[in-house]
Amino acid sequence: MGQSNAAFGYAHSAIGARRGLPGAEAVLRLRAPVANRDLDPCLRFHAAREHERTYPDPQKFALTA
């Protein structure tokens, strides 16, 4: 019984099932764009949002004295 549980745990960890609910949700969110062949636009969108977050437009800030 212990060996079968070890094999079961290894098989699930190999496919990412050990990551829990947040990891499983992330995998499902990535599978949808891949299945719909929308992965490139999706990655471009997220890269643009990340760029906006890390390099904000200086004109968005009002400097006061």
PDB file of N, CA and C in Angstrom:
ATOM      1  N   MET A   1       0.823  -1.188   0.000  1.00  0.00           N
ATOM      2  CA  MET A   1       0.000   0.000   0.000  1.00  0.00           C
ATOM      3  C   MET A   1       0.867   1.253   0.000  1.00  0.00           C
ATOM      4  N   GLY A   2       1.951   1.255   0.735  1.00  0.00           N
ATOM      5  CA  GLY A   2       2.829   2.415   0.782  1.00  0.00           C
ATOM      6  C   GLY A   2       3.476   2.700  -0.555  1.00  0.00           C
ATOM      7  N   GLN A   3       3.821   1.633  -1.282  1.00  0.00           N
ATOM      8  CA  GLN A   3       4.442   1.828  -2.588  1.00  0.00           C
ATOM      9  C   GLN A   3       3.455   2.408  -3.586  1.00  0.00           C
ATOM     10  N   SER A   4       2.212   1.966  -3.540  1.00  0.00           N
ATOM     11  CA  SER A   4       1.238   2.499  -4.491  1.00  0.00           C
ATOM     12  C   SER A   4       0.961   3.972  -4.197  1.00  0.00           C
ATOM     13  N   ASN A   5       0.938   4.345  -2.921  1.00  0.00           N
ATOM     14  CA  ASN A   5       0.750   5.756  -2.581  1.00  0.00           C
ATOM     15  C   ASN A   5       1.932   6.589  -3.055  1.00  0.00           C
ATOM     16  N   ALA A   6       3.134   6.034  -2.936  1.00  0.00           N
ATOM     17  CA  ALA A   6       4.311   6.760  -3.396  1.00  0.00           C
ATOM     18  C   ALA A   6       4.258   6.944  -4.909  1.00  0.00           C
ATOM     19  N   ALA A   7       3.852   5.908  -5.632  1.00  0.00           N
ATOM     20  CA  ALA A   7       3.743   6.013  -7.085  1.00  0.00           C
ATOM     21  C   ALA A   7       2.652   7.001  -7.467  1.00  0.00           C
ATOM     22  N   PHE A   8       1.553   6.989  -6.736  1.00  0.00           N
ATOM     23  CA  PHE A   8       0.451   7.918  -6.998  1.00  0.00           C
ATOM     24  C   PHE A   8       0.911   9.354  -6.776  1.00  0.00           C
ATOM     25  N   GLY A   9       1.630   9.583  -5.688  1.00  0.00           N
ATOM     26  CA  GLY A   9       2.133  10.923  -5.395  1.00  0.00           C
ATOM     27  C   GLY A   9       3.122  11.396  -6.436  1.00  0.00           C
ATOM     28  N   TYR A  10       3.986  10.499  -6.894  1.00  0.00           N
ATOM     29  CA  TYR A  10       4.962  10.866  -7.915  1.00  0.00           C
ATOM     30  C   TYR A  10       4.267  11.215  -9.222  1.00  0.00           C
ATOM     31  N   ALA A  11       3.277  10.419  -9.605  1.00  0.00           N
ATOM     32  CA  ALA A  11       2.566  10.670 -10.864  1.00  0.00           C
ATOM     33  C   ALA A  11       1.857  12.011 -10.817  1.00  0.00           C
ATOM     34  N   HIS A  12       1.246  12.338  -9.698  1.00  0.00           N
ATOM     35  CA  HIS A  12       0.544  13.613  -9.599  1.00  0.00           C
ATOM     36  C   HIS A  12       1.512  14.781  -9.516  1.00  0.00           C
ATOM     37  N   SER A  13       2.646  14.594  -8.856  1.00  0.00           N
ATOM     38  CA  SER A  13       3.601  15.693  -8.789  1.00  0.00           C
ATOM     39  C   SER A  13       4.238  15.924 -10.153  1.00  0.00           C
ATOM     40  N   ALA A  14       4.345  14.884 -10.960  1.00  0.00           N
ATOM     41  CA  ALA A  14       4.930  15.034 -12.287  1.00  0.00           C
ATOM     42  C   ALA A  14       4.034  15.857 -13.198  1.00  0.00           C
ATOM     43  N   ILE A  15       2.717  15.822 -12.991  1.00  0.00           N
ATOM     44  CA  ILE A  15       1.810  16.588 -13.844  1.00  0.00           C
ATOM     45  C   ILE A  15       1.373  17.889 -13.195  1.00  0.00           C
ATOM     46  N   GLY A  16       1.873  18.201 -12.023  1.00  0.00           N
ATOM     47  CA  GLY A  16       1.575  19.464 -11.373  1.00  0.00           C
ATOM     48  C   GLY A  16       0.385  19.440 -10.448  1.00  0.00           C
ATOM     49  N   ALA A  17      -0.154  18.280 -10.138  1.00  0.00           N
ATOM     50  CA  ALA A  17      -1.335  18.202  -9.285  1.00  0.00           C
ATOM     51  C   ALA A  17      -1.021  18.528  -7.831  1.00  0.00           C
ATOM     52  N   ARG A  18       0.238  18.563  -7.458  1.00  0.00           N
ATOM     53  CA  ARG A  18       0.590  18.825  -6.063  1.00  0.00           C
ATOM     54  C   ARG A  18       0.577  20.309  -5.733  1.00  0.00           C
ATOM     55  N   ARG A  19       0.342  21.150  -6.688  1.00  0.00           N
ATOM     56  CA  ARG A  19       0.420  22.586  -6.475  1.00  0.00           C
ATOM     57  C   ARG A  19      -0.792  23.158  -5.753  1.00  0.00           C
ATOM     58  N   GLY A  20      -1.844  22.411  -5.632  1.00  0.00           N
ATOM     59  CA  GLY A  20      -3.029  22.892  -4.936  1.00  0.00           C
ATOM     60  C   GLY A  20      -3.964  23.639  -5.869  1.00  0.00           C
ATOM     61  N   LEU A  21      -4.975  24.220  -5.290  1.00  0.00           N
ATOM     62  CA  LEU A  21      -6.008  24.890  -6.068  1.00  0.00           C
ATOM     63  C   LEU A  21      -5.495  26.098  -6.854  1.00  0.00           C
ATOM     64  N   PRO A  22      -4.684  26.986  -6.272  1.00  0.00           N
ATOM     65  CA  PRO A  22      -4.197  28.120  -7.064  1.00  0.00           C
ATOM     66  C   PRO A  22      -3.362  27.677  -8.267  1.00  0.00           C
ATOM     67  N   GLY A  23      -2.534  26.655  -8.085  1.00  0.00           N
ATOM     68  CA  GLY A  23      -1.732  26.152  -9.199  1.00  0.00           C
ATOM     69  C   GLY A  23      -2.583  25.495 -10.262  1.00  0.00           C
ATOM     70  N   ALA A  24      -3.598  24.755  -9.826  1.00  0.00           N
ATOM     71  CA  ALA A  24      -4.494  24.111 -10.787  1.00  0.00           C
ATOM     72  C   ALA A  24      -5.264  25.154 -11.583  1.00  0.00           C
ATOM     73  N   GLU A  25      -5.690  26.221 -10.917  1.00  0.00           N
ATOM     74  CA  GLU A  25      -6.408  27.288 -11.617  1.00  0.00           C
ATOM     75  C   GLU A  25      -5.492  27.982 -12.623  1.00  0.00           C
ATOM     76  N   ALA A  26      -4.237  28.188 -12.257  1.00  0.00           N
ATOM     77  CA  ALA A  26      -3.283  28.814 -13.171  1.00  0.00           C
ATOM     78  C   ALA A  26      -3.060  27.947 -14.404  1.00  0.00           C
ATOM     79  N   VAL A  27      -2.973  26.642 -14.210  1.00  0.00           N
ATOM     80  CA  VAL A  27      -2.799  25.732 -15.344  1.00  0.00           C
ATOM     81  C   VAL A  27      -4.010  25.802 -16.259  1.00  0.00           C
ATOM     82  N   LEU A  28      -5.205  25.818 -15.698  1.00  0.00           N
ATOM     83  CA  LEU A  28      -6.411  25.914 -16.522  1.00  0.00           C
ATOM     84  C   LEU A  28      -6.478  27.241 -17.261  1.00  0.00           C
ATOM     85  N   ARG A  29      -6.063  28.312 -16.615  1.00  0.00           N
ATOM     86  CA  ARG A  29      -6.077  29.620 -17.274  1.00  0.00           C
ATOM     87  C   ARG A  29      -5.083  29.670 -18.430  1.00  0.00           C
ATOM     88  N   LEU A  30      -3.995  28.930 -18.336  1.00  0.00           N
ATOM     89  CA  LEU A  30      -3.039  28.887 -19.441  1.00  0.00           C
ATOM     90  C   LEU A  30      -3.484  27.942 -20.548  1.00  0.00           C
ATOM     91  N   ARG A  31      -4.209  26.906 -20.200  1.00  0.00           N
ATOM     92  CA  ARG A  31      -4.644  25.948 -21.216  1.00  0.00           C
ATOM     93  C   ARG A  31      -5.672  26.545 -22.166  1.00  0.00           C
ATOM     94  N   ALA A  32      -6.532  27.436 -21.691  1.00  0.00           N
ATOM     95  CA  ALA A  32      -7.576  28.015 -22.536  1.00  0.00           C
ATOM     96  C   ALA A  32      -6.987  28.800 -23.706  1.00  0.00           C
ATOM     97  N   PRO A  33      -6.048  29.739 -23.488  1.00  0.00           N
ATOM     98  CA  PRO A  33      -5.481  30.440 -24.645  1.00  0.00           C
ATOM     99  C   PRO A  33      -4.700  29.515 -25.572  1.00  0.00           C
ATOM    100  N   VAL A  34      -4.059  28.503 -25.014  1.00  0.00           N
ATOM    101  CA  VAL A  34      -3.329  27.559 -25.858  1.00  0.00           C
ATOM    102  C   VAL A  34      -4.305  26.796 -26.738  1.00  0.00           C
ATOM    103  N   ALA A  35      -5.409  26.340 -26.160  1.00  0.00           N
ATOM    104  CA  ALA A  35      -6.401  25.577 -26.919  1.00  0.00           C
ATOM    105  C   ALA A  35      -7.073  26.441 -27.984  1.00  0.00           C
ATOM    106  N   ASN A  36      -7.263  27.737 -27.691  1.00  0.00           N
ATOM    107  CA  ASN A  36      -7.914  28.636 -28.643  1.00  0.00           C
ATOM    108  C   ASN A  36      -6.931  29.302 -29.594  1.00  0.00           C
ATOM    109  N   ARG A  37      -5.672  28.964 -29.465  1.00  0.00           N
ATOM    110  CA  ARG A  37      -4.599  29.556 -30.269  1.00  0.00           C
ATOM    111  C   ARG A  37      -4.521  31.074 -30.082  1.00  0.00           C
ATOM    112  N   ASP A  38      -4.791  31.525 -28.861  1.00  0.00           N
ATOM    113  CA  ASP A  38      -4.705  32.940 -28.521  1.00  0.00           C
ATOM    114  C   ASP A  38      -3.561  33.220 -27.551  1.00  0.00           C
ATOM    115  N   LEU A  39      -2.598  32.332 -27.467  1.00  0.00           N
ATOM    116  CA  LEU A  39      -1.548  32.497 -26.469  1.00  0.00           C
ATOM    117  C   LEU A  39      -0.666  33.707 -26.771  1.00  0.00           C
ATOM    118  N   ASP A  40      -0.274  33.914 -28.024  1.00  0.00           N
ATOM    119  CA  ASP A  40       0.600  35.044 -28.349  1.00  0.00           C
ATOM    120  C   ASP A  40      -0.039  36.386 -28.011  1.00  0.00           C
ATOM    121  N   PRO A  41      -1.293  36.659 -28.434  1.00  0.00           N
ATOM    122  CA  PRO A  41      -1.903  37.931 -28.029  1.00  0.00           C
ATOM    123  C   PRO A  41      -2.055  38.056 -26.510  1.00  0.00           C
ATOM    124  N   CYS A  42      -2.335  36.959 -25.859  1.00  0.00           N
ATOM    125  CA  CYS A  42      -2.490  36.970 -24.399  1.00  0.00           C
ATOM    126  C   CYS A  42      -1.159  37.327 -23.730  1.00  0.00           C
ATOM    127  N   LEU A  43      -0.070  36.724 -24.178  1.00  0.00           N
ATOM    128  CA  LEU A  43       1.239  37.015 -23.599  1.00  0.00           C
ATOM    129  C   LEU A  43       1.667  38.446 -23.899  1.00  0.00           C
ATOM    130  N   ARG A  44       1.368  38.945 -25.116  1.00  0.00           N
ATOM    131  CA  ARG A  44       1.687  40.333 -25.451  1.00  0.00           C
ATOM    132  C   ARG A  44       0.928  41.302 -24.546  1.00  0.00           C
ATOM    133  N   PHE A  45      -0.353  41.009 -24.301  1.00  0.00           N
ATOM    134  CA  PHE A  45      -1.168  41.850 -23.421  1.00  0.00           C
ATOM    135  C   PHE A  45      -0.563  41.909 -22.025  1.00  0.00           C
ATOM    136  N   HIS A  46      -0.220  40.752 -21.466  1.00  0.00           N
ATOM    137  CA  HIS A  46       0.314  40.717 -20.107  1.00  0.00           C
ATOM    138  C   HIS A  46       1.703  41.347 -20.032  1.00  0.00           C
ATOM    139  N   ALA A  47       2.503  41.189 -21.084  1.00  0.00           N
ATOM    140  CA  ALA A  47       3.818  41.834 -21.108  1.00  0.00           C
ATOM    141  C   ALA A  47       3.667  43.353 -21.148  1.00  0.00           C
ATOM    142  N   ALA A  48       2.687  43.845 -21.910  1.00  0.00           N
ATOM    143  CA  ALA A  48       2.443  45.292 -21.968  1.00  0.00           C
ATOM    144  C   ALA A  48       1.977  45.823 -20.620  1.00  0.00           C
ATOM    145  N   ARG A  49       1.094  45.095 -19.936  1.00  0.00           N
ATOM    146  CA  ARG A  49       0.633  45.533 -18.612  1.00  0.00           C
ATOM    147  C   ARG A  49       1.795  45.530 -17.614  1.00  0.00           C
ATOM    148  N   GLU A  50       2.653  44.533 -17.695  1.00  0.00           N
ATOM    149  CA  GLU A  50       3.801  44.465 -16.788  1.00  0.00           C
ATOM    150  C   GLU A  50       4.756  45.625 -17.064  1.00  0.00           C
ATOM    151  N   HIS A  51       4.948  45.963 -18.334  1.00  0.00           N
ATOM    152  CA  HIS A  51       5.809  47.090 -18.689  1.00  0.00           C
ATOM    153  C   HIS A  51       5.225  48.394 -18.142  1.00  0.00           C
ATOM    154  N   GLU A  52       3.915  48.570 -18.272  1.00  0.00           N
ATOM    155  CA  GLU A  52       3.264  49.766 -17.726  1.00  0.00           C
ATOM    156  C   GLU A  52       3.403  49.831 -16.208  1.00  0.00           C
ATOM    157  N   ARG A  53       3.362  48.675 -15.566  1.00  0.00           N
ATOM    158  CA  ARG A  53       3.471  48.643 -14.109  1.00  0.00           C
ATOM    159  C   ARG A  53       4.883  48.997 -13.651  1.00  0.00           C
ATOM    160  N   THR A  54       5.896  48.466 -14.330  1.00  0.00           N
ATOM    161  CA  THR A  54       7.270  48.683 -13.889  1.00  0.00           C
ATOM    162  C   THR A  54       7.864  49.989 -14.406  1.00  0.00           C
ATOM    163  N   TYR A  55       7.383  50.479 -15.550  1.00  0.00           N
ATOM    164  CA  TYR A  55       7.867  51.733 -16.118  1.00  0.00           C
ATOM    165  C   TYR A  55       6.683  52.664 -16.358  1.00  0.00           C
ATOM    166  N   PRO A  56       6.149  53.274 -15.297  1.00  0.00           N
ATOM    167  CA  PRO A  56       4.972  54.130 -15.466  1.00  0.00           C
ATOM    168  C   PRO A  56       5.305  55.383 -16.269  1.00  0.00           C
ATOM    169  N   ASP A  57       4.302  55.917 -16.920  1.00  0.00           N
ATOM    170  CA  ASP A  57       4.445  57.136 -17.703  1.00  0.00           C
ATOM    171  C   ASP A  57       4.699  58.303 -16.750  1.00  0.00           C
ATOM    172  N   PRO A  58       5.802  59.039 -16.925  1.00  0.00           N
ATOM    173  CA  PRO A  58       6.097  60.145 -16.006  1.00  0.00           C
ATOM    174  C   PRO A  58       5.016  61.225 -16.007  1.00  0.00           C
ATOM    175  N   GLN A  59       4.261  61.347 -17.078  1.00  0.00           N
ATOM    176  CA  GLN A  59       3.239  62.385 -17.161  1.00  0.00           C
ATOM    177  C   GLN A  59       2.007  62.048 -16.324  1.00  0.00           C
ATOM    178  N   LYS A  60       1.941  60.851 -15.792  1.00  0.00           N
ATOM    179  CA  LYS A  60       0.812  60.471 -14.947  1.00  0.00           C
ATOM    180  C   LYS A  60       0.933  61.049 -13.542  1.00  0.00           C
ATOM    181  N   PHE A  61       2.111  61.568 -13.217  1.00  0.00           N
ATOM    182  CA  PHE A  61       2.350  62.073 -11.879  1.00  0.00           C
ATOM    183  C   PHE A  61       2.378  63.595 -11.892  1.00  0.00           C
ATOM    184  N   ALA A  62       1.744  64.193 -10.913  1.00  0.00           N
ATOM    185  CA  ALA A  62       1.762  65.644 -10.764  1.00  0.00           C
ATOM    186  C   ALA A  62       2.772  65.999  -9.676  1.00  0.00           C
ATOM    187  N   LEU A  63       3.750  66.799 -10.047  1.00  0.00           N
ATOM    188  CA  LEU A  63       4.759  67.223  -9.083  1.00  0.00           C
ATOM    189  C   LEU A  63       4.289  68.503  -8.413  1.00  0.00           C
ATOM    190  N   THR A  64       4.315  68.497  -7.113  1.00  0.00           N
ATOM    191  CA  THR A  64       3.905  69.688  -6.363  1.00  0.00           C
ATOM    192  C   THR A  64       5.049  70.133  -5.468  1.00  0.00           C
ATOM    193  N   ALA A  65       5.088  71.414  -5.190  1.00  0.00           N
ATOM    194  CA  ALA A  65       6.169  71.947  -4.362  1.00  0.00           C
ATOM    195  C   ALA A  65       5.737  72.088  -2.929  1.00  0.00           C
TER     196      ALA A  65
END
